[in-house]
PDB file of all heavy atoms in Angstrom:
ATOM      1  N   PHE A   1     -27.284 -73.750 -89.681  1.00  0.00           N
ATOM      2  CA  PHE A   1     -28.664 -73.761 -90.141  1.00  0.00           C
ATOM      3  C   PHE A   1     -29.544 -72.878 -89.269  1.00  0.00           C
ATOM      4  O   PHE A   1     -30.298 -72.047 -89.758  1.00  0.00           O
ATOM      5  CB  PHE A   1     -29.213 -75.187 -90.181  1.00  0.00           C
ATOM      6  CG  PHE A   1     -30.611 -75.250 -90.713  1.00  0.00           C
ATOM      7  CD1 PHE A   1     -30.839 -75.199 -92.076  1.00  0.00           C
ATOM      8  CD2 PHE A   1     -31.688 -75.336 -89.860  1.00  0.00           C
ATOM      9  CE1 PHE A   1     -32.124 -75.227 -92.573  1.00  0.00           C
ATOM     10  CE2 PHE A   1     -32.976 -75.375 -90.337  1.00  0.00           C
ATOM     11  CZ  PHE A   1     -33.196 -75.323 -91.709  1.00  0.00           C
ATOM     12  N   SER A   2     -29.431 -73.049 -87.942  1.00  0.00           N
ATOM     13  CA  SER A   2     -30.326 -72.302 -87.054  1.00  0.00           C
ATOM     14  C   SER A   2     -30.006 -70.812 -87.039  1.00  0.00           C
ATOM     15  O   SER A   2     -30.911 -69.991 -86.960  1.00  0.00           O
ATOM     16  CB  SER A   2     -30.288 -72.872 -85.644  1.00  0.00           C
ATOM     17  OG  SER A   2     -28.995 -72.783 -85.114  1.00  0.00           O
ATOM     18  N   SER A   3     -28.740 -70.444 -87.127  1.00  0.00           N
ATOM     19  CA  SER A   3     -28.412 -69.019 -87.109  1.00  0.00           C
ATOM     20  C   SER A   3     -28.522 -68.395 -88.492  1.00  0.00           C
ATOM     21  O   SER A   3     -28.873 -67.231 -88.624  1.00  0.00           O
ATOM     22  CB  SER A   3     -27.004 -68.803 -86.567  1.00  0.00           C
ATOM     23  OG  SER A   3     -26.057 -69.338 -87.461  1.00  0.00           O
ATOM     24  N   GLY A   4     -28.229 -69.166 -89.533  1.00  0.00           N
ATOM     25  CA  GLY A   4     -28.243 -68.605 -90.881  1.00  0.00           C
ATOM     26  C   GLY A   4     -29.615 -68.467 -91.471  1.00  0.00           C
ATOM     27  O   GLY A   4     -30.052 -67.370 -91.816  1.00  0.00           O
ATOM     28  N   ILE A   5     -30.323 -69.573 -91.591  1.00  0.00           N
ATOM     29  CA  ILE A   5     -31.627 -69.483 -92.243  1.00  0.00           C
ATOM     30  C   ILE A   5     -32.738 -70.198 -91.504  1.00  0.00           C
ATOM     31  O   ILE A   5     -33.886 -70.137 -91.942  1.00  0.00           O
ATOM     32  CB  ILE A   5     -31.573 -69.995 -93.690  1.00  0.00           C
ATOM     33  CG1 ILE A   5     -31.360 -71.487 -93.753  1.00  0.00           C
ATOM     34  CG2 ILE A   5     -30.574 -69.254 -94.510  1.00  0.00           C
ATOM     35  CD1 ILE A   5     -31.608 -72.072 -95.117  1.00  0.00           C
ATOM     36  N   GLY A   6     -32.448 -70.846 -90.427  1.00  0.00           N
ATOM     37  CA  GLY A   6     -33.476 -71.618 -89.741  1.00  0.00           C
ATOM     38  C   GLY A   6     -34.707 -70.815 -89.388  1.00  0.00           C
ATOM     39  O   GLY A   6     -35.827 -71.162 -89.753  1.00  0.00           O
ATOM     40  N   ILE A   7     -34.526 -69.707 -88.684  1.00  0.00           N
ATOM     41  CA  ILE A   7     -35.673 -68.917 -88.261  1.00  0.00           C
ATOM     42  C   ILE A   7     -36.319 -68.242 -89.455  1.00  0.00           C
ATOM     43  O   ILE A   7     -37.541 -68.127 -89.538  1.00  0.00           O
ATOM     44  CB  ILE A   7     -35.294 -67.919 -87.154  1.00  0.00           C
ATOM     45  CG1 ILE A   7     -36.545 -67.327 -86.508  1.00  0.00           C
ATOM     46  CG2 ILE A   7     -34.390 -66.828 -87.687  1.00  0.00           C
ATOM     47  CD1 ILE A   7     -37.370 -68.339 -85.766  1.00  0.00           C
ATOM     48  N   SER A   8     -35.527 -67.778 -90.413  1.00  0.00           N
ATOM     49  CA  SER A   8     -36.094 -67.136 -91.600  1.00  0.00           C
ATOM     50  C   SER A   8     -36.901 -68.120 -92.422  1.00  0.00           C
ATOM     51  O   SER A   8     -37.946 -67.775 -92.970  1.00  0.00           O
ATOM     52  CB  SER A   8     -34.979 -66.536 -92.457  1.00  0.00           C
ATOM     53  OG  SER A   8     -34.311 -65.533 -91.753  1.00  0.00           O
ATOM     54  N   LEU A   9     -36.413 -69.337 -92.507  1.00  0.00           N
ATOM     55  CA  LEU A   9     -37.135 -70.348 -93.266  1.00  0.00           C
ATOM     56  C   LEU A   9     -38.476 -70.658 -92.613  1.00  0.00           C
ATOM     57  O   LEU A   9     -39.488 -70.811 -93.293  1.00  0.00           O
ATOM     58  CB  LEU A   9     -36.288 -71.621 -93.386  1.00  0.00           C
ATOM     59  CG  LEU A   9     -36.772 -72.678 -94.359  1.00  0.00           C
ATOM     60  CD1 LEU A   9     -36.900 -72.110 -95.749  1.00  0.00           C
ATOM     61  CD2 LEU A   9     -35.814 -73.840 -94.373  1.00  0.00           C
ATOM     62  N   LEU A  10     -38.502 -70.690 -91.292  1.00  0.00           N
ATOM     63  CA  LEU A  10     -39.772 -70.900 -90.600  1.00  0.00           C
ATOM     64  C   LEU A  10     -40.717 -69.728 -90.838  1.00  0.00           C
ATOM     65  O   LEU A  10     -41.915 -69.898 -91.016  1.00  0.00           O
ATOM     66  CB  LEU A  10     -39.542 -71.094 -89.102  1.00  0.00           C
ATOM     67  CG  LEU A  10     -38.924 -72.420 -88.696  1.00  0.00           C
ATOM     68  CD1 LEU A  10     -38.613 -72.427 -87.218  1.00  0.00           C
ATOM     69  CD2 LEU A  10     -39.828 -73.581 -89.050  1.00  0.00           C
ATOM     70  N   TYR A  11     -40.168 -68.536 -90.848  1.00  0.00           N
ATOM     71  CA  TYR A  11     -40.997 -67.346 -91.010  1.00  0.00           C
ATOM     72  C   TYR A  11     -41.444 -67.160 -92.457  1.00  0.00           C
ATOM     73  O   TYR A  11     -42.606 -66.905 -92.726  1.00  0.00           O
ATOM     74  CB  TYR A  11     -40.221 -66.118 -90.514  1.00  0.00           C
ATOM     75  CG  TYR A  11     -41.026 -64.859 -90.571  1.00  0.00           C
ATOM     76  CD1 TYR A  11     -42.013 -64.597 -89.623  1.00  0.00           C
ATOM     77  CD2 TYR A  11     -40.813 -63.929 -91.577  1.00  0.00           C
ATOM     78  CE1 TYR A  11     -42.757 -63.442 -89.674  1.00  0.00           C
ATOM     79  CE2 TYR A  11     -41.560 -62.768 -91.634  1.00  0.00           C
ATOM     80  CZ  TYR A  11     -42.531 -62.529 -90.683  1.00  0.00           C
ATOM     81  OH  TYR A  11     -43.272 -61.388 -90.748  1.00  0.00           O
ATOM     82  N   PHE A  12     -40.496 -67.261 -93.396  1.00  0.00           N
ATOM     83  CA  PHE A  12     -40.798 -67.002 -94.800  1.00  0.00           C
ATOM     84  C   PHE A  12     -41.116 -68.265 -95.593  1.00  0.00           C
ATOM     85  O   PHE A  12     -41.473 -68.189 -96.757  1.00  0.00           O
ATOM     86  CB  PHE A  12     -39.623 -66.300 -95.484  1.00  0.00           C
ATOM     87  CG  PHE A  12     -39.415 -64.894 -95.019  1.00  0.00           C
ATOM     88  CD1 PHE A  12     -38.302 -64.559 -94.270  1.00  0.00           C
ATOM     89  CD2 PHE A  12     -40.322 -63.908 -95.338  1.00  0.00           C
ATOM     90  CE1 PHE A  12     -38.107 -63.254 -93.846  1.00  0.00           C
ATOM     91  CE2 PHE A  12     -40.135 -62.604 -94.913  1.00  0.00           C
ATOM     92  CZ  PHE A  12     -39.023 -62.275 -94.161  1.00  0.00           C
ATOM     93  N   GLY A  13     -40.959 -69.430 -94.984  1.00  0.00           N
ATOM     94  CA  GLY A  13     -41.135 -70.686 -95.713  1.00  0.00           C
ATOM     95  C   GLY A  13     -42.462 -70.804 -96.428  1.00  0.00           C
ATOM     96  O   GLY A  13     -42.547 -71.327 -97.530  1.00  0.00           O
ATOM     97  N   ALA A  14     -43.525 -70.327 -95.816  1.00  0.00           N
ATOM     98  CA  ALA A  14     -44.843 -70.379 -96.453  1.00  0.00           C
ATOM     99  C   ALA A  14     -45.213 -69.039 -97.073  1.00  0.00           C
ATOM    100  O   ALA A  14     -45.848 -68.993 -98.119  1.00  0.00           O
ATOM    101  CB  ALA A  14     -45.898 -70.770 -95.430  1.00  0.00           C
ATOM    102  N   SER A  15     -44.802 -67.941 -96.460  1.00  0.00           N
ATOM    103  CA  SER A  15     -45.242 -66.634 -96.953  1.00  0.00           C
ATOM    104  C   SER A  15     -44.550 -66.221 -98.248  1.00  0.00           C
ATOM    105  O   SER A  15     -45.179 -65.583 -99.090  1.00  0.00           O
ATOM    106  CB  SER A  15     -45.045 -65.564 -95.886  1.00  0.00           C
ATOM    107  OG  SER A  15     -43.683 -65.334 -95.645  1.00  0.00           O
ATOM    108  N   GLU A  16     -43.278 -66.589 -98.430  1.00  0.00           N
ATOM    109  CA  GLU A  16     -42.596 -66.159 -99.659  1.00  0.00           C
ATOM    110  C   GLU A  16     -43.199 -66.802-100.906  1.00  0.00           C
ATOM    111  O   GLU A  16     -43.503 -66.088-101.870  1.00  0.00           O
ATOM    112  CB  GLU A  16     -41.098 -66.421 -99.599  1.00  0.00           C
ATOM    113  CG  GLU A  16     -40.411 -65.900-100.842  1.00  0.00           C
ATOM    114  CD  GLU A  16     -38.913 -66.036-100.834  1.00  0.00           C
ATOM    115  OE1 GLU A  16     -38.337 -66.517 -99.846  1.00  0.00           O
ATOM    116  OE2 GLU A  16     -38.306 -65.658-101.851  1.00  0.00           O
ATOM    117  N   PRO A  17     -43.396 -68.126-100.954  1.00  0.00           N
ATOM    118  CA  PRO A  17     -44.015 -68.675-102.167  1.00  0.00           C
ATOM    119  C   PRO A  17     -45.423 -68.131-102.405  1.00  0.00           C
ATOM    120  O   PRO A  17     -45.809 -67.899-103.549  1.00  0.00           O
ATOM    121  CB  PRO A  17     -44.049 -70.183-101.935  1.00  0.00           C
ATOM    122  CG  PRO A  17     -43.391 -70.450-100.653  1.00  0.00           C
ATOM    123  CD  PRO A  17     -42.998 -69.162-100.020  1.00  0.00           C
ATOM    124  N   LEU A  18     -46.177 -67.900-101.335  1.00  0.00           N
ATOM    125  CA  LEU A  18     -47.513 -67.332-101.507  1.00  0.00           C
ATOM    126  C   LEU A  18     -47.444 -65.909-102.043  1.00  0.00           C
ATOM    127  O   LEU A  18     -48.240 -65.507-102.901  1.00  0.00           O
ATOM    128  CB  LEU A  18     -48.278 -67.357-100.183  1.00  0.00           C
ATOM    129  CG  LEU A  18     -48.795 -68.720 -99.746  1.00  0.00           C
ATOM    130  CD1 LEU A  18     -49.365 -68.659 -98.336  1.00  0.00           C
ATOM    131  CD2 LEU A  18     -49.829 -69.239-100.724  1.00  0.00           C
ATOM    132  N   ASP A  19     -46.494 -65.140-101.550  1.00  0.00           N
ATOM    133  CA  ASP A  19     -46.323 -63.773-102.050  1.00  0.00           C
ATOM    134  C   ASP A  19     -45.973 -63.783-103.535  1.00  0.00           C
ATOM    135  O   ASP A  19     -46.521 -62.998-104.318  1.00  0.00           O
ATOM    136  CB  ASP A  19     -45.246 -63.049-101.239  1.00  0.00           C
ATOM    137  CG  ASP A  19     -45.076 -61.613-101.699  1.00  0.00           C
ATOM    138  OD1 ASP A  19     -46.099 -60.912-101.839  1.00  0.00           O
ATOM    139  OD2 ASP A  19     -43.930 -61.195-101.920  1.00  0.00           O
ATOM    140  N   HIS A  20     -45.056 -64.665-103.936  1.00  0.00           N
ATOM    141  CA  HIS A  20     -44.695 -64.753-105.354  1.00  0.00           C
ATOM    142  C   HIS A  20     -45.859 -65.280-106.198  1.00  0.00           C
ATOM    143  O   HIS A  20     -45.989 -64.926-107.358  1.00  0.00           O
ATOM    144  CB  HIS A  20     -43.470 -65.649-105.549  1.00  0.00           C
ATOM    145  CG  HIS A  20     -42.209 -65.067-104.981  1.00  0.00           C
ATOM    146  ND1 HIS A  20     -41.788 -63.790-105.231  1.00  0.00           N
ATOM    147  CD2 HIS A  20     -41.281 -65.608-104.158  1.00  0.00           C
ATOM    148  CE1 HIS A  20     -40.658 -63.557-104.595  1.00  0.00           C
ATOM    149  NE2 HIS A  20     -40.331 -64.650-103.934  1.00  0.00           N
ATOM    150  N   TYR A  21     -46.684 -66.120-105.619  1.00  0.00           N
ATOM    151  CA  TYR A  21     -47.838 -66.666-106.338  1.00  0.00           C
ATOM    152  C   TYR A  21     -48.876 -65.573-106.619  1.00  0.00           C
ATOM    153  O   TYR A  21     -49.417 -65.479-107.710  1.00  0.00           O
ATOM    154  CB  TYR A  21     -48.467 -67.799-105.521  1.00  0.00           C
ATOM    155  CG  TYR A  21     -49.685 -68.432-106.140  1.00  0.00           C
ATOM    156  CD1 TYR A  21     -49.596 -69.161-107.327  1.00  0.00           C
ATOM    157  CD2 TYR A  21     -50.923 -68.324-105.530  1.00  0.00           C
ATOM    158  CE1 TYR A  21     -50.710 -69.756-107.880  1.00  0.00           C
ATOM    159  CE2 TYR A  21     -52.038 -68.916-106.071  1.00  0.00           C
ATOM    160  CZ  TYR A  21     -51.936 -69.630-107.255  1.00  0.00           C
ATOM    161  OH  TYR A  21     -53.032 -70.223-107.810  1.00  0.00           O
ATOM    162  N   PHE A  22     -49.118 -64.721-105.611  1.00  0.00           N
ATOM    163  CA  PHE A  22     -50.113 -63.669-105.782  1.00  0.00           C
ATOM    164  C   PHE A  22     -49.535 -62.382-106.365  1.00  0.00           C
ATOM    165  O   PHE A  22     -50.287 -61.520-106.830  1.00  0.00           O
ATOM    166  CB  PHE A  22     -50.817 -63.378-104.453  1.00  0.00           C
ATOM    167  CG  PHE A  22     -51.720 -64.493-104.028  1.00  0.00           C
ATOM    168  CD1 PHE A  22     -51.435 -65.236-102.901  1.00  0.00           C
ATOM    169  CD2 PHE A  22     -52.846 -64.816-104.773  1.00  0.00           C
ATOM    170  CE1 PHE A  22     -52.270 -66.278-102.511  1.00  0.00           C
ATOM    171  CE2 PHE A  22     -53.681 -65.855-104.391  1.00  0.00           C
ATOM    172  CZ  PHE A  22     -53.391 -66.588-103.261  1.00  0.00           C
ATOM    173  N   ASN A  23     -48.220 -62.229-106.334  1.00  0.00           N
ATOM    174  CA  ASN A  23     -47.540 -61.059-106.914  1.00  0.00           C
ATOM    175  C   ASN A  23     -46.339 -61.536-107.726  1.00  0.00           C
ATOM    176  O   ASN A  23     -45.196 -61.273-107.356  1.00  0.00           O
ATOM    177  CB  ASN A  23     -47.078 -60.104-105.813  1.00  0.00           C
ATOM    178  CG  ASN A  23     -48.209 -59.629-104.949  1.00  0.00           C
ATOM    179  OD1 ASN A  23     -49.131 -58.989-105.433  1.00  0.00           O
ATOM    180  ND2 ASN A  23     -48.149 -59.956-103.666  1.00  0.00           N
ATOM    181  N   PRO A  24     -46.563 -62.241-108.833  1.00  0.00           N
ATOM    182  CA  PRO A  24     -45.443 -62.805-109.585  1.00  0.00           C
ATOM    183  C   PRO A  24     -44.640 -61.717-110.301  1.00  0.00           C
ATOM    184  O   PRO A  24     -45.188 -60.646-110.602  1.00  0.00           O
ATOM    185  CB  PRO A  24     -46.128 -63.720-110.599  1.00  0.00           C
ATOM    186  CG  PRO A  24     -47.468 -63.119-110.798  1.00  0.00           C
ATOM    187  CD  PRO A  24     -47.847 -62.518-109.474  1.00  0.00           C
ATOM    188  N   PRO A  25     -43.358 -61.983-110.556  1.00  0.00           N
ATOM    189  CA  PRO A  25     -42.550 -60.997-111.261  1.00  0.00           C
ATOM    190  C   PRO A  25     -43.001 -60.817-112.713  1.00  0.00           C
ATOM    191  O   PRO A  25     -42.815 -59.757-113.294  1.00  0.00           O
ATOM    192  CB  PRO A  25     -41.131 -61.548-111.186  1.00  0.00           C
ATOM    193  CG  PRO A  25     -41.282 -62.974-110.823  1.00  0.00           C
ATOM    194  CD  PRO A  25     -42.582 -63.141-110.143  1.00  0.00           C
ATOM    195  N   GLU A  26     -43.584 -61.847-113.296  1.00  0.00           N
ATOM    196  CA  GLU A  26     -44.075 -61.783-114.681  1.00  0.00           C
ATOM    197  C   GLU A  26     -45.426 -62.473-114.762  1.00  0.00           C
ATOM    198  O   GLU A  26     -45.641 -63.501-114.128  1.00  0.00           O
ATOM    199  CB  GLU A  26     -43.108 -62.491-115.630  1.00  0.00           C
ATOM    200  CG  GLU A  26     -41.766 -61.833-115.752  1.00  0.00           C
ATOM    201  CD  GLU A  26     -40.837 -62.615-116.649  1.00  0.00           C
ATOM    202  OE1 GLU A  26     -41.229 -63.682-117.157  1.00  0.00           O
ATOM    203  OE2 GLU A  26     -39.707 -62.164-116.848  1.00  0.00           O
ATOM    204  N   GLY A  27     -46.321 -61.941-115.569  1.00  0.00           N
ATOM    205  CA  GLY A  27     -47.590 -62.597-115.824  1.00  0.00           C
ATOM    206  C   GLY A  27     -48.642 -62.334-114.767  1.00  0.00           C
ATOM    207  O   GLY A  27     -48.444 -61.548-113.828  1.00  0.00           O
TER     208      GLY A  27
END
């Protein structure tokens, strides 16, 4: 967990959904 996605999840955990919310693939 810590080597695979732990740090990425902490970094992107909030920014990725917000990015998709403000820049959705459709609509």
